[in-house]
Structures are given as C-alpha cells and as structure tokens.
Protein backbone atom coordinates (compact mmCIF):
# COMPACT_ATOMS: atom_id res chain seq x y z
CA MET A 1 0.00 0.00 0.00
CA GLU A 2 1.40 3.38 -1.05
CA ILE A 3 0.59 6.84 0.30
CA ILE A 4 1.85 10.10 -1.18
CA GLY A 5 2.05 13.23 0.92
CA PHE A 6 1.99 16.32 -1.30
CA ILE A 7 3.31 19.33 0.61
CA ALA A 8 2.04 22.38 -1.27
CA SER A 9 4.07 24.94 0.63
CA PRO A 10 7.07 27.01 -0.38
CA ARG A 11 8.68 26.11 2.96
CA LYS A 12 10.25 22.65 3.10
CA GLU A 13 10.65 22.86 6.86
CA GLY A 14 7.52 24.80 7.76
CA ASN A 15 4.38 23.83 9.64
CA THR A 16 2.66 22.14 6.69
CA ALA A 17 5.70 19.96 5.95
CA TRP A 18 6.05 18.97 9.61
CA ILE A 19 2.37 18.06 9.85
CA ILE A 20 2.23 16.02 6.62
CA ASN A 21 5.40 14.17 7.60
CA ARG A 22 3.87 13.20 10.99
CA ILE A 23 0.81 11.81 9.21
CA LEU A 24 3.07 9.85 6.86
CA GLU A 25 5.07 8.54 9.82
CA GLY A 26 1.86 7.22 11.40
CA ALA A 27 1.02 5.44 8.14
CA LYS A 28 4.54 4.06 7.80
CA GLU A 29 4.40 2.67 11.34
CA GLN A 30 1.38 0.64 10.17
CA GLY A 31 3.24 -0.81 7.20
CA ALA A 32 2.47 1.63 4.40
CA LYS A 33 5.05 2.71 1.87
CA VAL A 34 5.07 6.51 2.08
CA GLN A 35 6.61 9.31 0.08
CA ALA A 36 6.69 13.02 0.84
CA VAL A 37 6.64 15.21 -2.26
CA TYR A 38 7.54 18.87 -1.84
CA SER A 39 6.05 21.30 -4.35
CA SER A 40 9.11 23.52 -3.85
CA ASP A 41 11.28 20.77 -5.40
CA LEU A 42 9.13 20.45 -8.51
CA ASP A 43 8.56 22.32 -11.73
CA ILE A 44 4.80 22.27 -12.06
CA ARG A 45 3.45 24.89 -14.42
CA PRO A 46 -0.15 26.13 -14.44
CA CYS A 47 -2.74 24.54 -16.69
CA LYS A 48 -2.89 26.35 -20.03
CA GLY A 49 -6.51 25.43 -20.67
CA CYS A 50 -5.48 24.08 -24.08
CA LEU A 51 -7.67 20.96 -23.68
CA GLY A 52 -4.91 18.87 -25.27
CA CYS A 53 -5.61 16.29 -22.57
CA VAL A 54 -9.17 15.94 -23.87
CA GLN A 55 -7.90 15.25 -27.39
CA SER A 56 -4.96 12.97 -26.58
CA ASP A 57 -5.68 11.67 -23.06
CA LYS A 58 -2.35 13.17 -21.95
CA CYS A 59 -1.40 16.57 -20.59
CA GLY A 60 0.70 18.44 -23.15
CA ILE A 61 2.79 20.28 -20.58
CA ASN A 62 6.10 18.50 -20.15
CA ASP A 63 6.99 19.17 -16.52
CA ASP A 64 7.15 17.33 -13.19
CA MET A 65 3.38 16.84 -13.14
CA GLN A 66 3.90 13.93 -15.54
CA TRP A 67 5.77 12.14 -12.75
CA ILE A 68 2.99 13.05 -10.29
CA TYR A 69 0.33 11.55 -12.59
CA ASN A 70 2.21 8.23 -12.62
CA ALA A 71 2.79 8.31 -8.87
CA LEU A 72 -0.90 9.02 -8.18
CA LYS A 73 -1.97 6.19 -10.45
CA GLN A 74 0.13 3.76 -8.38
CA ALA A 75 -0.76 5.22 -4.98
CA ASP A 76 -3.64 4.10 -2.82
CA ALA A 77 -3.99 7.42 -1.03
CA LEU A 78 -2.96 11.06 -1.14
CA VAL A 79 -2.40 13.38 1.80
CA LEU A 80 -2.58 16.93 0.47
CA GLY A 81 -1.29 19.66 2.75
CA SER A 82 -1.48 23.38 2.13
CA PRO A 83 -1.00 26.52 4.16
CA VAL A 84 -3.88 28.96 3.91
CA TYR A 85 -2.98 32.10 1.98
CA MET A 86 -5.61 34.78 1.48
CA GLY A 87 -8.35 32.51 2.81
CA GLN A 88 -7.68 29.56 0.52
CA MET A 89 -5.11 26.94 -0.50
CA SER A 90 -1.65 28.09 -1.55
CA GLY A 91 -0.85 28.83 -5.18
CA GLN A 92 1.24 25.65 -5.26
CA ALA A 93 -1.77 23.58 -4.15
CA LYS A 94 -4.05 25.31 -6.64
CA ILE A 95 -1.72 24.64 -9.58
CA PHE A 96 -1.44 20.99 -8.53
CA THR A 97 -5.23 20.70 -8.19
CA ASP A 98 -5.91 22.40 -11.53
CA ARG A 99 -3.49 20.07 -13.27
CA LEU A 100 -5.42 17.03 -11.99
CA PHE A 101 -7.95 17.91 -14.71
CA ALA A 102 -5.83 16.08 -17.30
CA HIS A 103 -6.26 12.71 -15.60
CA ILE A 104 -8.79 12.76 -12.81
CA VAL A 105 -12.27 13.34 -14.13
CA PRO A 106 -15.62 12.38 -12.64
CA ARG A 107 -17.66 9.36 -13.66
CA PHE A 108 -20.08 11.46 -15.71
CA SER A 109 -17.25 12.54 -18.03
CA PRO A 110 -16.57 10.57 -21.23
CA ARG A 111 -12.88 10.61 -20.19
CA PHE A 112 -13.51 8.88 -16.84
CA LYS A 113 -10.81 6.38 -15.87
CA GLU A 114 -11.55 3.83 -13.17
CA ALA A 115 -7.84 3.72 -12.18
CA TYR A 116 -8.11 7.12 -10.52
CA ALA A 117 -11.55 6.77 -8.91
CA GLY A 118 -11.88 6.15 -5.20
CA LYS A 119 -8.36 7.19 -4.18
CA LYS A 120 -8.32 7.90 -0.46
CA LEU A 121 -7.57 11.51 0.41
CA VAL A 122 -6.73 13.40 3.56
CA LEU A 123 -6.86 17.19 3.24
CA VAL A 124 -4.81 19.28 5.65
CA PHE A 125 -4.89 23.05 5.92
CA THR A 126 -2.61 25.08 8.19
CA GLN A 127 -3.34 28.68 9.03
CA GLY A 128 -2.09 31.50 11.18
CA ASN A 129 -5.54 32.60 12.30
CA PRO A 130 -6.50 30.89 15.58
CA ASN A 131 -10.15 30.33 14.53
CA PRO A 132 -10.30 26.97 12.67
CA ASP A 133 -13.78 27.82 11.32
CA ILE A 134 -12.98 31.21 9.79
CA PHE A 135 -12.55 29.71 6.29
CA LYS A 136 -14.89 26.74 6.82
CA GLU A 137 -16.97 27.46 3.70
CA TYR A 138 -13.85 27.34 1.53
CA PHE A 139 -12.61 24.13 3.16
CA ASP A 140 -16.02 22.49 2.72
CA TYR A 141 -16.11 23.62 -0.92
CA THR A 142 -12.64 22.16 -1.51
CA LYS A 143 -13.68 18.85 0.06
CA LYS A 144 -16.76 18.71 -2.20
CA MET A 145 -14.64 19.48 -5.26
CA PHE A 146 -12.35 16.52 -4.48
CA GLN A 147 -15.40 14.33 -3.86
CA MET A 148 -16.78 15.36 -7.24
CA LEU A 149 -13.45 14.22 -8.72
CA GLU A 150 -14.23 10.88 -7.02
CA PHE A 151 -11.62 11.06 -4.30
CA ASP A 152 -12.74 9.29 -1.14
CA VAL A 153 -12.08 12.10 1.35
CA LYS A 154 -11.38 10.31 4.62
CA ASP A 155 -10.40 13.28 6.75
CA MET A 156 -10.03 17.03 6.61
CA GLN A 157 -7.92 18.74 9.23
CA VAL A 158 -7.61 22.47 9.82
CA ILE A 159 -4.72 23.25 12.11
CA ALA A 160 -5.08 26.83 13.22
CA GLY A 161 -3.07 29.30 15.26
CA MET A 162 0.27 28.72 13.54
CA ARG A 163 1.20 32.37 14.16
CA ASN A 164 1.12 31.83 17.90
CA GLU A 165 2.74 28.42 18.25
CA PRO A 166 4.46 26.36 15.55
CA ALA A 167 3.17 22.84 14.99
CA TYR A 168 6.28 21.08 16.29
CA GLU A 169 5.86 22.78 19.69
CA ARG A 170 2.32 21.47 20.23
CA ARG A 171 2.63 18.47 22.51
CA ASP A 172 -0.72 16.91 21.59
CA LEU A 173 -0.40 17.35 17.84
CA ASP A 174 2.27 14.72 17.09
CA MET A 175 0.21 11.76 18.31
CA THR A 176 -3.00 13.12 16.76
CA LEU A 177 -1.33 13.34 13.35
CA ARG A 178 0.22 9.89 13.62
CA ARG A 179 -3.24 8.50 14.43
CA ILE A 180 -4.60 10.09 11.24
CA GLY A 181 -1.93 8.27 9.22
CA ALA A 182 -2.59 4.99 11.04
CA SER A 183 -6.33 5.37 10.48
CA LEU A 184 -5.77 5.91 6.76
CA VAL A 185 -3.86 2.64 6.58
CA SER A 186 -6.66 0.86 8.49
CA GLU A 187 -9.17 2.17 5.93
CA LEU A 188 -7.04 0.82 3.10
CA PHE A 189 -6.71 -2.60 4.75
CA MET A 190 -10.51 -2.84 5.17
CA GLU A 191 -11.05 -2.75 1.41
C-alpha cells in the first residue's frame, strides 16, 4: 500500500511539511510505503486550458506533473497539505489541483478512468488565524470538489493558530497526526 504526501508549501521545513510528515510517519508505522513530495522541489506549471488532454488523453505540458500523474496512479492514497494564503489553498496547491484535470475526471465525463476513482484523500490546511472555522466554507467547498473528482475524502484537518505556536511545539499534535496516518492505513486494509 502506497501513500503520497503532497506538501504544497514554499517552505520545506515549515508547519505544513512537519504536519504532513507526521501523518506519513503514522502510516509508515502501520506498514504503508510513504513518500513526501515537496512542491518547492518540482517544476509544475499552471494549466494552459489548451484541452490537449481531452484530445490525446495526456497533458501536453512536459513538466514534473507527468511524474505526479504516474505516482498518483500507483498510490492508494494522497495526503494533500497546504498553508492557507488569502483565505484559501496556496498557489502551489491550486496549480497541482488544476493540473489534476488532465487525468482525474468524474464518472459522468466521457474521459472517466476507473484507475483514478476512489483514491483515499486526507486534506490538511494550516493557518495563522486561531479560529479553525474562519474559512470553513472554503474548506467544505474544496472537500466537495475533491469528492466530485471521485476522491474518497477520509479526513479534513484544519490546524489553526500557527502564528502563535508552531506545529512542532504542540505536545498533543504529534500523536493526533500519527493516528490520522494509522487510520488511513486501516481504511485501506478494510477494502
């Protein structure tokens, strides 16, 4: 069983990276093969809206997203982590999400591919604001969008108050995050 953690933050050692890596550690402790992927290490360009993927079944942009498509096809689950910038996911997360259009399309589309349907997903948002519900409508919308793309959203975490106390200093957070990773593995074993 394989789980990819996509860290859509410009900071490789920031709160989002620390949090996603704890979730992956919890999954690894339960026997999953895990891989952390840092958006800051990749060349992923924005979707051009050319619809070449509709014509040829392949995205025409030759960048690191081609590798991501292959990795996602093999993976059983994705943990997507993003800091909240301006009330929504980071630009890195948005580019990644937009580029999923080339391969991950809902069942009602003529381009639907069973290989991508039903992938388990954990969404994680980190934010400086201490109120975890301040952007709730956006988070709920994002969850529904991934469900429409036929991801099986298993969990959505909003970790707030990053301005006041970094994630690695929160005593209770480490075990909570590891449990999320372990729970994801349990879900995969139940199938």
